[in-house]
ModelCIF file with pLDDT and N, C-alpha, C, O atoms, coordinates in Angstrom:
data_MODEL
#
_entry.id   MODEL 
#
_entity.id                         1 
_entity.type                       polymer 
_entity.pdbx_number_of_molecules   1 
#
_entity_poly.entity_id                      1 
_entity_poly.type                           'polypeptide(L)' 
_entity_poly.nstd_linkage                   no 
_entity_poly.nstd_monomer                   no 
_entity_poly.pdbx_seq_one_letter_code       PNLDDGYIERSDLDGANRKTIIPKGVTYTPKQ 
_entity_poly.pdbx_seq_one_letter_code_can   PNLDDGYIERSDLDGANRKTIIPKGVTYTPKQ 
_entity_poly.pdbx_strand_id                 A 
#
loop_
_entity_poly_seq.entity_id 
_entity_poly_seq.num 
_entity_poly_seq.mon_id 
_entity_poly_seq.hetero 
1 1  PRO n 
1 2  ASN n 
1 3  LEU n 
1 4  ASP n 
1 5  ASP n 
1 6  GLY n 
1 7  TYR n 
1 8  ILE n 
1 9  GLU n 
1 10 ARG n 
1 11 SER n 
1 12 ASP n 
1 13 LEU n 
1 14 ASP n 
1 15 GLY n 
1 16 ALA n 
1 17 ASN n 
1 18 ARG n 
1 19 LYS n 
1 20 THR n 
1 21 ILE n 
1 22 ILE n 
1 23 PRO n 
1 24 LYS n 
1 25 GLY n 
1 26 VAL n 
1 27 THR n 
1 28 TYR n 
1 29 THR n 
1 30 PRO n 
1 31 LYS n 
1 32 GLN n 
#
_struct_asym.id          A 
_struct_asym.entity_id   1 
#
loop_
_ma_qa_metric.id 
_ma_qa_metric.mode 
_ma_qa_metric.name 
_ma_qa_metric.software_group_id 
_ma_qa_metric.type 
1 global pLDDT . pLDDT 
2 local  pLDDT . pLDDT 
#
_ma_qa_metric_global.metric_id      1 
_ma_qa_metric_global.metric_value   96.84 
_ma_qa_metric_global.model_id       1 
_ma_qa_metric_global.ordinal_id     1 
#
loop_
_ma_qa_metric_local.label_asym_id 
_ma_qa_metric_local.label_comp_id 
_ma_qa_metric_local.label_seq_id 
_ma_qa_metric_local.metric_id 
_ma_qa_metric_local.metric_value 
_ma_qa_metric_local.model_id 
_ma_qa_metric_local.ordinal_id 
A PRO 1  2 88.00 1 1  
A ASN 2  2 88.00 1 2  
A LEU 3  2 93.00 1 3  
A ASP 4  2 95.00 1 4  
A ASP 5  2 97.00 1 5  
A GLY 6  2 98.00 1 6  
A TYR 7  2 98.00 1 7  
A ILE 8  2 98.00 1 8  
A GLU 9  2 98.00 1 9  
A ARG 10 2 98.00 1 10 
A SER 11 2 98.00 1 11 
A ASP 12 2 98.00 1 12 
A LEU 13 2 97.00 1 13 
A ASP 14 2 96.00 1 14 
A GLY 15 2 97.00 1 15 
A ALA 16 2 98.00 1 16 
A ASN 17 2 98.00 1 17 
A ARG 18 2 98.00 1 18 
A LYS 19 2 98.00 1 19 
A THR 20 2 98.00 1 20 
A ILE 21 2 98.00 1 21 
A ILE 22 2 98.00 1 22 
A PRO 23 2 98.00 1 23 
A LYS 24 2 97.00 1 24 
A GLY 25 2 96.00 1 25 
A VAL 26 2 98.00 1 26 
A THR 27 2 98.00 1 27 
A TYR 28 2 97.00 1 28 
A THR 29 2 98.00 1 29 
A PRO 30 2 98.00 1 30 
A LYS 31 2 98.00 1 31 
A GLN 32 2 98.00 1 32 
#
loop_
_atom_site.group_PDB 
_atom_site.id 
_atom_site.type_symbol 
_atom_site.label_atom_id 
_atom_site.label_alt_id 
_atom_site.label_comp_id 
_atom_site.label_asym_id 
_atom_site.label_entity_id 
_atom_site.label_seq_id 
_atom_site.pdbx_PDB_ins_code 
_atom_site.Cartn_x 
_atom_site.Cartn_y 
_atom_site.Cartn_z 
_atom_site.occupancy 
_atom_site.B_iso_or_equiv 
_atom_site.pdbx_formal_charge 
_atom_site.auth_seq_id 
_atom_site.auth_comp_id 
_atom_site.auth_asym_id 
_atom_site.auth_atom_id 
_atom_site.pdbx_PDB_model_num 
ATOM 1   N N  . PRO A 1 1  ? 2.187  29.251 17.470 1.00 88.00 ? 1  PRO A N  1 
ATOM 2   C CA . PRO A 1 1  ? 1.195  28.160 17.919 1.00 88.00 ? 1  PRO A CA 1 
ATOM 3   C C  . PRO A 1 1  ? -0.224 28.459 17.718 1.00 88.00 ? 1  PRO A C  1 
ATOM 4   O O  . PRO A 1 1  ? -0.998 27.551 17.413 1.00 88.00 ? 1  PRO A O  1 
ATOM 5   N N  . ASN A 1 2  ? -0.667 29.805 17.883 1.00 88.00 ? 2  ASN A N  1 
ATOM 6   C CA . ASN A 1 2  ? -2.036 30.017 17.743 1.00 88.00 ? 2  ASN A CA 1 
ATOM 7   C C  . ASN A 1 2  ? -2.477 30.125 16.345 1.00 88.00 ? 2  ASN A C  1 
ATOM 8   O O  . ASN A 1 2  ? -3.674 30.217 16.073 1.00 88.00 ? 2  ASN A O  1 
ATOM 9   N N  . LEU A 1 3  ? -1.543 30.118 15.432 1.00 93.00 ? 3  LEU A N  1 
ATOM 10  C CA . LEU A 1 3  ? -1.843 30.088 14.018 1.00 93.00 ? 3  LEU A CA 1 
ATOM 11  C C  . LEU A 1 3  ? -1.967 28.775 13.262 1.00 93.00 ? 3  LEU A C  1 
ATOM 12  O O  . LEU A 1 3  ? -2.383 28.733 12.105 1.00 93.00 ? 3  LEU A O  1 
ATOM 13  N N  . ASP A 1 4  ? -1.589 27.698 13.960 1.00 95.00 ? 4  ASP A N  1 
ATOM 14  C CA . ASP A 1 4  ? -1.669 26.340 13.516 1.00 95.00 ? 4  ASP A CA 1 
ATOM 15  C C  . ASP A 1 4  ? -0.917 26.255 12.143 1.00 95.00 ? 4  ASP A C  1 
ATOM 16  O O  . ASP A 1 4  ? -1.396 25.688 11.159 1.00 95.00 ? 4  ASP A O  1 
ATOM 17  N N  . ASP A 1 5  ? 0.299  26.868 12.170 1.00 97.00 ? 5  ASP A N  1 
ATOM 18  C CA . ASP A 1 5  ? 1.161  26.923 10.931 1.00 97.00 ? 5  ASP A CA 1 
ATOM 19  C C  . ASP A 1 5  ? 2.419  26.174 11.017 1.00 97.00 ? 5  ASP A C  1 
ATOM 20  O O  . ASP A 1 5  ? 3.351  26.478 10.271 1.00 97.00 ? 5  ASP A O  1 
ATOM 21  N N  . GLY A 1 6  ? 2.526  25.183 11.900 1.00 98.00 ? 6  GLY A N  1 
ATOM 22  C CA . GLY A 1 6  ? 3.777  24.339 11.954 1.00 98.00 ? 6  GLY A CA 1 
ATOM 23  C C  . GLY A 1 6  ? 3.988  23.411 10.830 1.00 98.00 ? 6  GLY A C  1 
ATOM 24  O O  . GLY A 1 6  ? 2.987  22.918 10.310 1.00 98.00 ? 6  GLY A O  1 
ATOM 25  N N  . TYR A 1 7  ? 5.151  23.111 10.388 1.00 98.00 ? 7  TYR A N  1 
ATOM 26  C CA . TYR A 1 7  ? 5.435  22.173 9.363  1.00 98.00 ? 7  TYR A CA 1 
ATOM 27  C C  . TYR A 1 7  ? 6.720  21.582 9.630  1.00 98.00 ? 7  TYR A C  1 
ATOM 28  O O  . TYR A 1 7  ? 7.438  21.979 10.548 1.00 98.00 ? 7  TYR A O  1 
ATOM 29  N N  . ILE A 1 8  ? 7.060  20.546 8.770  1.00 98.00 ? 8  ILE A N  1 
ATOM 30  C CA . ILE A 1 8  ? 8.287  19.648 8.873  1.00 98.00 ? 8  ILE A CA 1 
ATOM 31  C C  . ILE A 1 8  ? 9.138  19.791 7.452  1.00 98.00 ? 8  ILE A C  1 
ATOM 32  O O  . ILE A 1 8  ? 8.579  19.778 6.355  1.00 98.00 ? 8  ILE A O  1 
ATOM 33  N N  . GLU A 1 9  ? 10.397 19.913 7.612  1.00 98.00 ? 9  GLU A N  1 
ATOM 34  C CA . GLU A 1 9  ? 11.204 20.057 6.349  1.00 98.00 ? 9  GLU A CA 1 
ATOM 35  C C  . GLU A 1 9  ? 12.318 18.978 6.298  1.00 98.00 ? 9  GLU A C  1 
ATOM 36  O O  . GLU A 1 9  ? 12.652 18.298 7.269  1.00 98.00 ? 9  GLU A O  1 
ATOM 37  N N  . ARG A 1 10 ? 12.859 18.900 5.043  1.00 98.00 ? 10 ARG A N  1 
ATOM 38  C CA . ARG A 1 10 ? 13.979 18.039 4.937  1.00 98.00 ? 10 ARG A CA 1 
ATOM 39  C C  . ARG A 1 10 ? 14.995 18.696 3.978  1.00 98.00 ? 10 ARG A C  1 
ATOM 40  O O  . ARG A 1 10 ? 14.625 19.485 3.108  1.00 98.00 ? 10 ARG A O  1 
ATOM 41  N N  . SER A 1 11 ? 16.286 18.350 4.161  1.00 98.00 ? 11 SER A N  1 
ATOM 42  C CA . SER A 1 11 ? 17.300 18.848 3.262  1.00 98.00 ? 11 SER A CA 1 
ATOM 43  C C  . SER A 1 11 ? 18.442 17.914 3.239  1.00 98.00 ? 11 SER A C  1 
ATOM 44  O O  . SER A 1 11 ? 18.476 16.949 4.002  1.00 98.00 ? 11 SER A O  1 
ATOM 45  N N  . ASP A 1 12 ? 19.420 18.179 2.349  1.00 98.00 ? 12 ASP A N  1 
ATOM 46  C CA . ASP A 1 12 ? 20.659 17.426 2.373  1.00 98.00 ? 12 ASP A CA 1 
ATOM 47  C C  . ASP A 1 12 ? 21.493 17.874 3.582  1.00 98.00 ? 12 ASP A C  1 
ATOM 48  O O  . ASP A 1 12 ? 21.208 18.925 4.156  1.00 98.00 ? 12 ASP A O  1 
ATOM 49  N N  . LEU A 1 13 ? 22.509 17.108 3.982  1.00 97.00 ? 13 LEU A N  1 
ATOM 50  C CA . LEU A 1 13 ? 23.251 17.405 5.189  1.00 97.00 ? 13 LEU A CA 1 
ATOM 51  C C  . LEU A 1 13 ? 23.987 18.881 5.128  1.00 97.00 ? 13 LEU A C  1 
ATOM 52  O O  . LEU A 1 13 ? 24.356 19.414 6.175  1.00 97.00 ? 13 LEU A O  1 
ATOM 53  N N  . ASP A 1 14 ? 24.166 19.464 3.945  1.00 96.00 ? 14 ASP A N  1 
ATOM 54  C CA . ASP A 1 14 ? 24.851 20.681 3.823  1.00 96.00 ? 14 ASP A CA 1 
ATOM 55  C C  . ASP A 1 14 ? 23.735 21.731 3.691  1.00 96.00 ? 14 ASP A C  1 
ATOM 56  O O  . ASP A 1 14 ? 24.075 22.896 3.484  1.00 96.00 ? 14 ASP A O  1 
ATOM 57  N N  . GLY A 1 15 ? 22.393 21.408 3.795  1.00 97.00 ? 15 GLY A N  1 
ATOM 58  C CA . GLY A 1 15 ? 21.271 22.397 3.719  1.00 97.00 ? 15 GLY A CA 1 
ATOM 59  C C  . GLY A 1 15 ? 20.891 22.578 2.227  1.00 97.00 ? 15 GLY A C  1 
ATOM 60  O O  . GLY A 1 15 ? 20.135 23.503 1.930  1.00 97.00 ? 15 GLY A O  1 
ATOM 61  N N  . ALA A 1 16 ? 21.335 21.813 1.349  1.00 98.00 ? 16 ALA A N  1 
ATOM 62  C CA . ALA A 1 16 ? 20.976 21.936 -0.154 1.00 98.00 ? 16 ALA A CA 1 
ATOM 63  C C  . ALA A 1 16 ? 19.651 21.092 -0.299 1.00 98.00 ? 16 ALA A C  1 
ATOM 64  O O  . ALA A 1 16 ? 19.328 20.283 0.570  1.00 98.00 ? 16 ALA A O  1 
ATOM 65  N N  . ASN A 1 17 ? 18.911 21.310 -1.413 1.00 98.00 ? 17 ASN A N  1 
ATOM 66  C CA . ASN A 1 17 ? 17.725 20.548 -1.817 1.00 98.00 ? 17 ASN A CA 1 
ATOM 67  C C  . ASN A 1 17 ? 16.683 20.611 -0.708 1.00 98.00 ? 17 ASN A C  1 
ATOM 68  O O  . ASN A 1 17 ? 16.116 19.578 -0.352 1.00 98.00 ? 17 ASN A O  1 
ATOM 69  N N  . ARG A 1 18 ? 16.417 21.765 -0.162 1.00 98.00 ? 18 ARG A N  1 
ATOM 70  C CA . ARG A 1 18 ? 15.483 21.911 0.963  1.00 98.00 ? 18 ARG A CA 1 
ATOM 71  C C  . ARG A 1 18 ? 13.998 21.841 0.470  1.00 98.00 ? 18 ARG A C  1 
ATOM 72  O O  . ARG A 1 18 ? 13.608 22.520 -0.479 1.00 98.00 ? 18 ARG A O  1 
ATOM 73  N N  . LYS A 1 19 ? 13.216 21.009 1.148  1.00 98.00 ? 19 LYS A N  1 
ATOM 74  C CA . LYS A 1 19 ? 11.885 20.946 0.760  1.00 98.00 ? 19 LYS A CA 1 
ATOM 75  C C  . LYS A 1 19 ? 10.947 20.568 1.960  1.00 98.00 ? 19 LYS A C  1 
ATOM 76  O O  . LYS A 1 19 ? 11.332 19.794 2.836  1.00 98.00 ? 19 LYS A O  1 
ATOM 77  N N  . THR A 1 20 ? 9.807  21.094 1.967  1.00 98.00 ? 20 THR A N  1 
ATOM 78  C CA . THR A 1 20 ? 8.683  20.902 2.909  1.00 98.00 ? 20 THR A CA 1 
ATOM 79  C C  . THR A 1 20 ? 8.168  19.516 2.662  1.00 98.00 ? 20 THR A C  1 
ATOM 80  O O  . THR A 1 20 ? 7.799  19.210 1.528  1.00 98.00 ? 20 THR A O  1 
ATOM 81  N N  . ILE A 1 21 ? 8.117  18.634 3.682  1.00 98.00 ? 21 ILE A N  1 
ATOM 82  C CA . ILE A 1 21 ? 7.580  17.348 3.415  1.00 98.00 ? 21 ILE A CA 1 
ATOM 83  C C  . ILE A 1 21 ? 6.166  17.156 4.331  1.00 98.00 ? 21 ILE A C  1 
ATOM 84  O O  . ILE A 1 21 ? 5.352  16.304 3.972  1.00 98.00 ? 21 ILE A O  1 
ATOM 85  N N  . ILE A 1 22 ? 5.958  17.836 5.311  1.00 98.00 ? 22 ILE A N  1 
ATOM 86  C CA . ILE A 1 22 ? 4.646  17.865 6.135  1.00 98.00 ? 22 ILE A CA 1 
ATOM 87  C C  . ILE A 1 22 ? 4.264  19.387 6.014  1.00 98.00 ? 22 ILE A C  1 
ATOM 88  O O  . ILE A 1 22 ? 4.917  20.240 6.615  1.00 98.00 ? 22 ILE A O  1 
ATOM 89  N N  . PRO A 1 23 ? 3.190  19.701 5.219  1.00 98.00 ? 23 PRO A N  1 
ATOM 90  C CA . PRO A 1 23 ? 2.846  21.090 5.065  1.00 98.00 ? 23 PRO A CA 1 
ATOM 91  C C  . PRO A 1 23 ? 2.150  21.681 6.211  1.00 98.00 ? 23 PRO A C  1 
ATOM 92  O O  . PRO A 1 23 ? 1.768  20.952 7.126  1.00 98.00 ? 23 PRO A O  1 
ATOM 93  N N  . LYS A 1 24 ? 1.947  23.009 6.232  1.00 97.00 ? 24 LYS A N  1 
ATOM 94  C CA . LYS A 1 24 ? 1.137  23.638 7.249  1.00 97.00 ? 24 LYS A CA 1 
ATOM 95  C C  . LYS A 1 24 ? -0.353 23.094 7.068  1.00 97.00 ? 24 LYS A C  1 
ATOM 96  O O  . LYS A 1 24 ? -0.864 22.884 5.968  1.00 97.00 ? 24 LYS A O  1 
ATOM 97  N N  . GLY A 1 25 ? -0.958 22.902 8.256  1.00 96.00 ? 25 GLY A N  1 
ATOM 98  C CA . GLY A 1 25 ? -2.289 22.369 8.212  1.00 96.00 ? 25 GLY A CA 1 
ATOM 99  C C  . GLY A 1 25 ? -2.441 20.867 8.640  1.00 96.00 ? 25 GLY A C  1 
ATOM 100 O O  . GLY A 1 25 ? -3.473 20.403 9.126  1.00 96.00 ? 25 GLY A O  1 
ATOM 101 N N  . VAL A 1 26 ? -1.307 20.176 8.403  1.00 98.00 ? 26 VAL A N  1 
ATOM 102 C CA . VAL A 1 26 ? -1.252 18.688 8.728  1.00 98.00 ? 26 VAL A CA 1 
ATOM 103 C C  . VAL A 1 26 ? -0.864 18.422 10.133 1.00 98.00 ? 26 VAL A C  1 
ATOM 104 O O  . VAL A 1 26 ? -1.306 17.462 10.762 1.00 98.00 ? 26 VAL A O  1 
ATOM 105 N N  . THR A 1 27 ? -0.012 19.306 10.624 1.00 98.00 ? 27 THR A N  1 
ATOM 106 C CA . THR A 1 27 ? 0.434  19.186 12.040 1.00 98.00 ? 27 THR A CA 1 
ATOM 107 C C  . THR A 1 27 ? 0.374  20.575 12.655 1.00 98.00 ? 27 THR A C  1 
ATOM 108 O O  . THR A 1 27 ? 0.590  21.537 11.918 1.00 98.00 ? 27 THR A O  1 
ATOM 109 N N  . TYR A 1 28 ? 0.112  20.756 13.892 1.00 97.00 ? 28 TYR A N  1 
ATOM 110 C CA . TYR A 1 28 ? -0.145 22.001 14.498 1.00 97.00 ? 28 TYR A CA 1 
ATOM 111 C C  . TYR A 1 28 ? 1.166  22.702 14.965 1.00 97.00 ? 28 TYR A C  1 
ATOM 112 O O  . TYR A 1 28 ? 1.605  23.718 14.426 1.00 97.00 ? 28 TYR A O  1 
ATOM 113 N N  . THR A 1 29 ? 1.772  22.042 16.055 1.00 98.00 ? 29 THR A N  1 
ATOM 114 C CA . THR A 1 29 ? 3.051  22.531 16.669 1.00 98.00 ? 29 THR A CA 1 
ATOM 115 C C  . THR A 1 29 ? 3.889  21.419 16.731 1.00 98.00 ? 29 THR A C  1 
ATOM 116 O O  . THR A 1 29 ? 3.914  20.781 17.784 1.00 98.00 ? 29 THR A O  1 
ATOM 117 N N  . PRO A 1 30 ? 4.710  21.010 15.612 1.00 98.00 ? 30 PRO A N  1 
ATOM 118 C CA . PRO A 1 30 ? 5.473  19.855 15.817 1.00 98.00 ? 30 PRO A CA 1 
ATOM 119 C C  . PRO A 1 30 ? 6.676  20.167 16.616 1.00 98.00 ? 30 PRO A C  1 
ATOM 120 O O  . PRO A 1 30 ? 7.343  21.195 16.498 1.00 98.00 ? 30 PRO A O  1 
ATOM 121 N N  . LYS A 1 31 ? 6.923  19.084 17.533 1.00 98.00 ? 31 LYS A N  1 
ATOM 122 C CA . LYS A 1 31 ? 8.039  19.288 18.437 1.00 98.00 ? 31 LYS A CA 1 
ATOM 123 C C  . LYS A 1 31 ? 9.191  18.386 18.146 1.00 98.00 ? 31 LYS A C  1 
ATOM 124 O O  . LYS A 1 31 ? 9.818  18.540 17.098 1.00 98.00 ? 31 LYS A O  1 
ATOM 125 N N  . GLN A 1 32 ? 9.560  17.317 19.124 1.00 98.00 ? 32 GLN A N  1 
ATOM 126 C CA . GLN A 1 32 ? 10.624 16.463 18.828 1.00 98.00 ? 32 GLN A CA 1 
ATOM 127 C C  . GLN A 1 32 ? 10.209 15.464 17.759 1.00 98.00 ? 32 GLN A C  1 
ATOM 128 O O  . GLN A 1 32 ? 11.011 14.620 17.358 1.00 98.00 ? 32 GLN A O  1 
#
């Protein structure tokens, strides 16, 4: 939290094709 390094990811349902869609610096501590 104090580093402001939260981010959001997406993948296929089996975990393949993982990618960051909201990078660090856009959101602080993303929750639900």
